[in-house]
PDB file of N, CA and C in Angstrom:
ATOM      1  N   MET A   1       1.341 -31.427  22.830  1.00  0.00           N
ATOM      2  CA  MET A   1       0.670 -30.240  22.225  1.00  0.00           C
ATOM      3  C   MET A   1       1.609 -29.064  22.386  1.00  0.00           C
ATOM      4  N   LEU A   2       1.648 -28.227  21.399  1.00  0.00           N
ATOM      5  CA  LEU A   2       2.390 -27.087  21.414  1.00  0.00           C
ATOM      6  C   LEU A   2       1.830 -25.972  22.283  1.00  0.00           C
ATOM      7  N   HIS A   3       2.585 -25.439  23.233  1.00  0.00           N
ATOM      8  CA  HIS A   3       2.145 -24.324  24.094  1.00  0.00           C
ATOM      9  C   HIS A   3       2.698 -23.036  23.564  1.00  0.00           C
ATOM     10  N   LEU A   4       1.839 -22.380  22.783  1.00  0.00           N
ATOM     11  CA  LEU A   4       2.326 -21.121  22.162  1.00  0.00           C
ATOM     12  C   LEU A   4       2.815 -20.072  23.162  1.00  0.00           C
ATOM     13  N   ALA A   5       2.271 -19.911  24.258  1.00  0.00           N
ATOM     14  CA  ALA A   5       2.745 -19.000  25.303  1.00  0.00           C
ATOM     15  C   ALA A   5       4.155 -19.281  25.658  1.00  0.00           C
ATOM     16  N   GLY A   6       4.498 -20.528  25.914  1.00  0.00           N
ATOM     17  CA  GLY A   6       5.827 -20.932  26.281  1.00  0.00           C
ATOM     18  C   GLY A   6       6.803 -20.687  25.114  1.00  0.00           C
ATOM     19  N   LEU A   7       6.322 -21.028  23.810  1.00  0.00           N
ATOM     20  CA  LEU A   7       7.173 -20.819  22.687  1.00  0.00           C
ATOM     21  C   LEU A   7       7.491 -19.292  22.588  1.00  0.00           C
ATOM     22  N   LEU A   8       6.478 -18.479  22.785  1.00  0.00           N
ATOM     23  CA  LEU A   8       6.756 -16.999  22.569  1.00  0.00           C
ATOM     24  C   LEU A   8       7.679 -16.549  23.691  1.00  0.00           C
ATOM     25  N   GLU A   9       7.535 -17.047  24.885  1.00  0.00           N
ATOM     26  CA  GLU A   9       8.435 -16.697  25.966  1.00  0.00           C
ATOM     27  C   GLU A   9       9.821 -16.985  25.643  1.00  0.00           C
ATOM     28  N   GLU A  10      10.059 -18.268  25.079  1.00  0.00           N
ATOM     29  CA  GLU A  10      11.332 -18.651  24.670  1.00  0.00           C
ATOM     30  C   GLU A  10      12.045 -17.838  23.692  1.00  0.00           C
ATOM     31  N   LEU A  11      11.101 -17.358  22.675  1.00  0.00           N
ATOM     32  CA  LEU A  11      11.659 -16.629  21.690  1.00  0.00           C
ATOM     33  C   LEU A  11      12.016 -15.249  22.106  1.00  0.00           C
ATOM     34  N   GLU A  12      11.406 -14.611  23.106  1.00  0.00           N
ATOM     35  CA  GLU A  12      11.656 -13.411  23.738  1.00  0.00           C
ATOM     36  C   GLU A  12      13.030 -13.501  24.440  1.00  0.00           C
ATOM     37  N   ARG A  13      13.389 -14.613  24.941  1.00  0.00           N
ATOM     38  CA  ARG A  13      14.653 -14.710  25.698  1.00  0.00           C
ATOM     39  C   ARG A  13      15.851 -14.926  24.757  1.00  0.00           C
ATOM     40  N   SER A  14      15.515 -15.423  23.599  1.00  0.00           N
ATOM     41  CA  SER A  14      16.666 -15.821  22.699  1.00  0.00           C
ATOM     42  C   SER A  14      17.167 -14.507  21.758  1.00  0.00           C
ATOM     43  N   GLU A  15      18.268 -14.110  22.003  1.00  0.00           N
ATOM     44  CA  GLU A  15      18.821 -12.976  21.122  1.00  0.00           C
ATOM     45  C   GLU A  15      18.659 -13.319  19.626  1.00  0.00           C
ATOM     46  N   PRO A  16      19.150 -14.431  19.142  1.00  0.00           N
ATOM     47  CA  PRO A  16      19.100 -14.696  17.702  1.00  0.00           C
ATOM     48  C   PRO A  16      17.539 -14.722  17.284  1.00  0.00           C
ATOM     49  N   ALA A  17      16.689 -15.162  18.047  1.00  0.00           N
ATOM     50  CA  ALA A  17      15.293 -15.260  17.716  1.00  0.00           C
ATOM     51  C   ALA A  17      14.729 -13.918  17.695  1.00  0.00           C
ATOM     52  N   ARG A  18      15.076 -13.010  18.637  1.00  0.00           N
ATOM     53  CA  ARG A  18      14.599 -11.636  18.528  1.00  0.00           C
ATOM     54  C   ARG A  18      15.106 -10.971  17.348  1.00  0.00           C
ATOM     55  N   ALA A  19      16.382 -11.133  17.043  1.00  0.00           N
ATOM     56  CA  ALA A  19      16.888 -10.520  15.756  1.00  0.00           C
ATOM     57  C   ALA A  19      16.192 -10.994  14.529  1.00  0.00           C
ATOM     58  N   ALA A  20      15.987 -12.300  14.445  1.00  0.00           N
ATOM     59  CA  ALA A  20      15.203 -12.854  13.283  1.00  0.00           C
ATOM     60  C   ALA A  20      13.776 -12.298  13.189  1.00  0.00           C
ATOM     61  N   MET A  21      13.149 -12.224  14.370  1.00  0.00           N
ATOM     62  CA  MET A  21      11.771 -11.635  14.386  1.00  0.00           C
ATOM     63  C   MET A  21      11.781 -10.173  13.978  1.00  0.00           C
ATOM     64  N   ALA A  22      12.732  -9.437  14.289  1.00  0.00           N
ATOM     65  CA  ALA A  22      12.890  -8.040  13.929  1.00  0.00           C
ATOM     66  C   ALA A  22      13.020  -7.928  12.479  1.00  0.00           C
ATOM     67  N   ILE A  23      13.781  -8.742  11.846  1.00  0.00           N
ATOM     68  CA  ILE A  23      13.940  -8.755  10.415  1.00  0.00           C
ATOM     69  C   ILE A  23      12.646  -9.146   9.737  1.00  0.00           C
ATOM     70  N   LEU A  24      12.021 -10.201  10.255  1.00  0.00           N
ATOM     71  CA  LEU A  24      10.830 -10.629   9.619  1.00  0.00           C
ATOM     72  C   LEU A  24       9.643  -9.588   9.768  1.00  0.00           C
ATOM     73  N   GLU A  25       9.532  -8.903  10.914  1.00  0.00           N
ATOM     74  CA  GLU A  25       8.553  -7.913  11.106  1.00  0.00           C
ATOM     75  C   GLU A  25       8.830  -6.741  10.186  1.00  0.00           C
ATOM     76  N   GLY A  26      10.125  -6.309  10.024  1.00  0.00           N
ATOM     77  CA  GLY A  26      10.458  -5.264   9.102  1.00  0.00           C
ATOM     78  C   GLY A  26      10.100  -5.553   7.623  1.00  0.00           C
ATOM     79  N   SER A  27      10.315  -6.734   7.244  1.00  0.00           N
ATOM     80  CA  SER A  27       9.977  -7.195   5.899  1.00  0.00           C
ATOM     81  C   SER A  27       8.476  -7.275   5.709  1.00  0.00           C
ATOM     82  N   LEU A  28       7.705  -7.814   6.714  1.00  0.00           N
ATOM     83  CA  LEU A  28       6.310  -7.921   6.564  1.00  0.00           C
ATOM     84  C   LEU A  28       5.619  -6.512   6.669  1.00  0.00           C
ATOM     85  N   ALA A  29       6.258  -5.528   7.291  1.00  0.00           N
ATOM     86  CA  ALA A  29       5.710  -4.195   7.437  1.00  0.00           C
ATOM     87  C   ALA A  29       5.640  -3.487   6.034  1.00  0.00           C
ATOM     88  N   ARG A  30       6.495  -3.872   5.169  1.00  0.00           N
ATOM     89  CA  ARG A  30       6.483  -3.377   3.754  1.00  0.00           C
ATOM     90  C   ARG A  30       5.404  -4.014   2.839  1.00  0.00           C
ATOM     91  N   ARG A  31       4.661  -4.985   3.415  1.00  0.00           N
ATOM     92  CA  ARG A  31       3.689  -5.647   2.563  1.00  0.00           C
ATOM     93  C   ARG A  31       2.248  -5.267   2.979  1.00  0.00           C
ATOM     94  N   SER A  32       1.424  -5.594   2.110  1.00  0.00           N
ATOM     95  CA  SER A  32       0.030  -5.259   2.359  1.00  0.00           C
ATOM     96  C   SER A  32      -0.518  -6.091   3.463  1.00  0.00           C
ATOM     97  N   ALA A  33      -1.646  -5.790   3.994  1.00  0.00           N
ATOM     98  CA  ALA A  33      -2.281  -6.669   5.000  1.00  0.00           C
ATOM     99  C   ALA A  33      -2.670  -7.995   4.321  1.00  0.00           C
ATOM    100  N   GLU A  34      -3.128  -7.997   3.112  1.00  0.00           N
ATOM    101  CA  GLU A  34      -3.381  -9.302   2.412  1.00  0.00           C
ATOM    102  C   GLU A  34      -2.254 -10.133   2.368  1.00  0.00           C
ATOM    103  N   GLU A  35      -1.111  -9.481   1.908  1.00  0.00           N
ATOM    104  CA  GLU A  35       0.137 -10.295   1.759  1.00  0.00           C
ATOM    105  C   GLU A  35       0.666 -10.852   3.127  1.00  0.00           C
ATOM    106  N   GLN A  36       0.487 -10.079   4.141  1.00  0.00           N
ATOM    107  CA  GLN A  36       0.862 -10.517   5.462  1.00  0.00           C
ATOM    108  C   GLN A  36       0.009 -11.676   5.976  1.00  0.00           C
ATOM    109  N   GLY A  37      -1.269 -11.596   5.766  1.00  0.00           N
ATOM    110  CA  GLY A  37      -2.155 -12.639   6.008  1.00  0.00           C
ATOM    111  C   GLY A  37      -1.878 -13.954   5.199  1.00  0.00           C
ATOM    112  N   ALA A  38      -1.575 -13.767   3.985  1.00  0.00           N
ATOM    113  CA  ALA A  38      -1.189 -14.903   3.162  1.00  0.00           C
ATOM    114  C   ALA A  38       0.082 -15.599   3.705  1.00  0.00           C
ATOM    115  N   PHE A  39       1.087 -14.812   4.099  1.00  0.00           N
ATOM    116  CA  PHE A  39       2.283 -15.324   4.651  1.00  0.00           C
ATOM    117  C   PHE A  39       1.977 -16.146   5.794  1.00  0.00           C
ATOM    118  N   TRP A  40       1.249 -15.516   6.833  1.00  0.00           N
ATOM    119  CA  TRP A  40       1.046 -16.237   8.096  1.00  0.00           C
ATOM    120  C   TRP A  40       0.138 -17.463   7.838  1.00  0.00           C
ATOM    121  N   HIS A  41      -0.738 -17.443   6.871  1.00  0.00           N
ATOM    122  CA  HIS A  41      -1.596 -18.548   6.572  1.00  0.00           C
ATOM    123  C   HIS A  41      -0.687 -19.707   6.021  1.00  0.00           C
ATOM    124  N   ALA A  42       0.358 -19.363   5.163  1.00  0.00           N
ATOM    125  CA  ALA A  42       1.235 -20.461   4.689  1.00  0.00           C
ATOM    126  C   ALA A  42       2.062 -20.950   5.771  1.00  0.00           C
ATOM    127  N   VAL A  43       2.503 -20.170   6.785  1.00  0.00           N
ATOM    128  CA  VAL A  43       3.237 -20.640   7.899  1.00  0.00           C
ATOM    129  C   VAL A  43       2.469 -21.581   8.658  1.00  0.00           C
ATOM    130  N   ASP A  44       1.202 -21.176   8.913  1.00  0.00           N
ATOM    131  CA  ASP A  44       0.259 -22.094   9.701  1.00  0.00           C
ATOM    132  C   ASP A  44       0.054 -23.482   8.964  1.00  0.00           C
ATOM    133  N   LEU A  45      -0.207 -23.453   7.662  1.00  0.00           N
ATOM    134  CA  LEU A  45      -0.388 -24.637   6.864  1.00  0.00           C
ATOM    135  C   LEU A  45       0.823 -25.477   6.971  1.00  0.00           C
ATOM    136  N   TYR A  46       2.021 -24.910   6.887  1.00  0.00           N
ATOM    137  CA  TYR A  46       3.260 -25.642   6.956  1.00  0.00           C
ATOM    138  C   TYR A  46       3.337 -26.395   8.282  1.00  0.00           C
ATOM    139  N   TYR A  47       3.146 -25.702   9.387  1.00  0.00           N
ATOM    140  CA  TYR A  47       3.327 -26.348  10.691  1.00  0.00           C
ATOM    141  C   TYR A  47       2.204 -27.331  10.933  1.00  0.00           C
ATOM    142  N   VAL A  48       1.056 -27.064  10.638  1.00  0.00           N
ATOM    143  CA  VAL A  48      -0.030 -27.982  10.800  1.00  0.00           C
ATOM    144  C   VAL A  48       0.217 -29.245  10.002  1.00  0.00           C
ATOM    145  N   SER A  49       0.761 -29.111   8.749  1.00  0.00           N
ATOM    146  CA  SER A  49       1.068 -30.319   7.890  1.00  0.00           C
ATOM    147  C   SER A  49       2.126 -31.156   8.575  1.00  0.00           C
ATOM    148  N   ARG A  50       3.018 -30.568   9.364  1.00  0.00           N
ATOM    149  CA  ARG A  50       4.133 -31.391   9.879  1.00  0.00           C
ATOM    150  C   ARG A  50       3.627 -32.149  10.990  1.00  0.00           C
ATOM    151  N   LYS A  51       2.434 -31.840  11.636  1.00  0.00           N
ATOM    152  CA  LYS A  51       1.937 -32.551  12.736  1.00  0.00           C
ATOM    153  C   LYS A  51       0.824 -33.490  12.408  1.00  0.00           C
ATOM    154  N   ALA A  52       0.253 -33.381  11.242  1.00  0.00           N
ATOM    155  CA  ALA A  52      -0.968 -34.024  10.867  1.00  0.00           C
ATOM    156  C   ALA A  52      -0.765 -34.804   9.610  1.00  0.00           C
ATOM    157  N   PRO A  53      -1.463 -35.942   9.342  1.00  0.00           N
ATOM    158  CA  PRO A  53      -1.384 -36.601   8.092  1.00  0.00           C
ATOM    159  C   PRO A  53      -1.896 -35.735   6.932  1.00  0.00           C
ATOM    160  N   PRO A  54      -1.358 -35.911   5.744  1.00  0.00           N
ATOM    161  CA  PRO A  54      -1.646 -34.958   4.605  1.00  0.00           C
ATOM    162  C   PRO A  54      -3.126 -34.894   4.309  1.00  0.00           C
ATOM    163  N   GLU A  55      -3.822 -35.908   4.439  1.00  0.00           N
ATOM    164  CA  GLU A  55      -5.300 -35.862   4.146  1.00  0.00           C
ATOM    165  C   GLU A  55      -6.005 -35.045   5.195  1.00  0.00           C
ATOM    166  N   ALA A  56      -5.444 -34.799   6.328  1.00  0.00           N
ATOM    167  CA  ALA A  56      -6.149 -34.001   7.375  1.00  0.00           C
ATOM    168  C   ALA A  56      -5.895 -32.563   7.230  1.00  0.00           C
ATOM    169  N   VAL A  57      -5.107 -32.124   6.246  1.00  0.00           N
ATOM    170  CA  VAL A  57      -4.628 -30.757   5.975  1.00  0.00           C
ATOM    171  C   VAL A  57      -5.185 -30.304   4.715  1.00  0.00           C
ATOM    172  N   ALA A  58      -6.161 -30.763   4.153  1.00  0.00           N
ATOM    173  CA  ALA A  58      -6.628 -30.458   2.873  1.00  0.00           C
ATOM    174  C   ALA A  58      -7.021 -28.940   2.870  1.00  0.00           C
ATOM    175  N   VAL A  59      -6.799 -28.298   1.756  1.00  0.00           N
ATOM    176  CA  VAL A  59      -7.237 -26.817   1.564  1.00  0.00           C
ATOM    177  C   VAL A  59      -8.785 -26.906   1.370  1.00  0.00           C
ATOM    178  N   THR A  60      -9.596 -26.064   2.023  1.00  0.00           N
ATOM    179  CA  THR A  60     -10.972 -26.262   2.087  1.00  0.00           C
ATOM    180  C   THR A  60     -11.648 -25.290   1.126  1.00  0.00           C
ATOM    181  N   THR A  61     -11.250 -24.269   0.835  1.00  0.00           N
ATOM    182  CA  THR A  61     -11.894 -23.261  -0.052  1.00  0.00           C
ATOM    183  C   THR A  61     -11.044 -22.812  -1.235  1.00  0.00           C
ATOM    184  N   PRO A  62     -11.673 -22.394  -2.296  1.00  0.00           N
ATOM    185  CA  PRO A  62     -10.971 -21.934  -3.431  1.00  0.00           C
ATOM    186  C   PRO A  62     -10.007 -20.678  -3.112  1.00  0.00           C
ATOM    187  N   ALA A  63     -10.488 -19.893  -2.173  1.00  0.00           N
ATOM    188  CA  ALA A  63      -9.566 -18.783  -1.792  1.00  0.00           C
ATOM    189  C   ALA A  63      -8.282 -19.232  -1.162  1.00  0.00           C
ATOM    190  N   GLU A  64      -8.515 -20.170  -0.327  1.00  0.00           N
ATOM    191  CA  GLU A  64      -7.265 -20.746   0.329  1.00  0.00           C
ATOM    192  C   GLU A  64      -6.474 -21.529  -0.655  1.00  0.00           C
ATOM    193  N   ALA A  65      -6.958 -22.052  -1.624  1.00  0.00           N
ATOM    194  CA  ALA A  65      -6.248 -22.868  -2.700  1.00  0.00           C
ATOM    195  C   ALA A  65      -5.356 -21.852  -3.470  1.00  0.00           C
ATOM    196  N   SER A  66      -5.811 -20.569  -3.637  1.00  0.00           N
ATOM    197  CA  SER A  66      -5.053 -19.695  -4.400  1.00  0.00           C
ATOM    198  C   SER A  66      -3.817 -19.226  -3.586  1.00  0.00           C
ATOM    199  N   LEU A  67      -3.819 -19.377  -2.246  1.00  0.00           N
ATOM    200  CA  LEU A  67      -2.842 -19.032  -1.442  1.00  0.00           C
ATOM    201  C   LEU A  67      -1.863 -20.094  -1.146  1.00  0.00           C
ATOM    202  N   ALA A  68      -2.107 -21.377  -1.516  1.00  0.00           N
ATOM    203  CA  ALA A  68      -1.371 -22.576  -1.320  1.00  0.00           C
ATOM    204  C   ALA A  68       0.049 -22.430  -2.011  1.00  0.00           C
ATOM    205  N   ILE A  69       1.056 -22.828  -1.331  1.00  0.00           N
ATOM    206  CA  ILE A  69       2.378 -22.892  -1.921  1.00  0.00           C
ATOM    207  C   ILE A  69       2.552 -24.201  -2.420  1.00  0.00           C
ATOM    208  N   THR A  70       3.003 -24.416  -3.797  1.00  0.00           N
ATOM    209  CA  THR A  70       3.306 -25.677  -4.252  1.00  0.00           C
ATOM    210  C   THR A  70       4.823 -25.719  -4.521  1.00  0.00           C
ATOM    211  N   PRO A  71       5.380 -26.972  -4.341  1.00  0.00           N
ATOM    212  CA  PRO A  71       6.837 -27.107  -4.493  1.00  0.00           C
ATOM    213  C   PRO A  71       7.142 -27.051  -5.937  1.00  0.00           C
TER     214      PRO A  71
END
């Protein structure tokens, strides 16, 4: 199981990770709250899909379907 607190602590200790997060936060700051939410939702879907079988990660609502990223 992923321990988010431990991962966040590791990111805080890593200089390259801090630099990457600063760039990401700067880029997201220029986006609307809706765009930021869509971005983090896509990140969540990506990581969940890496840990679960595809059928367990089905998009459940039409609103979520409009945010889905297709290859």
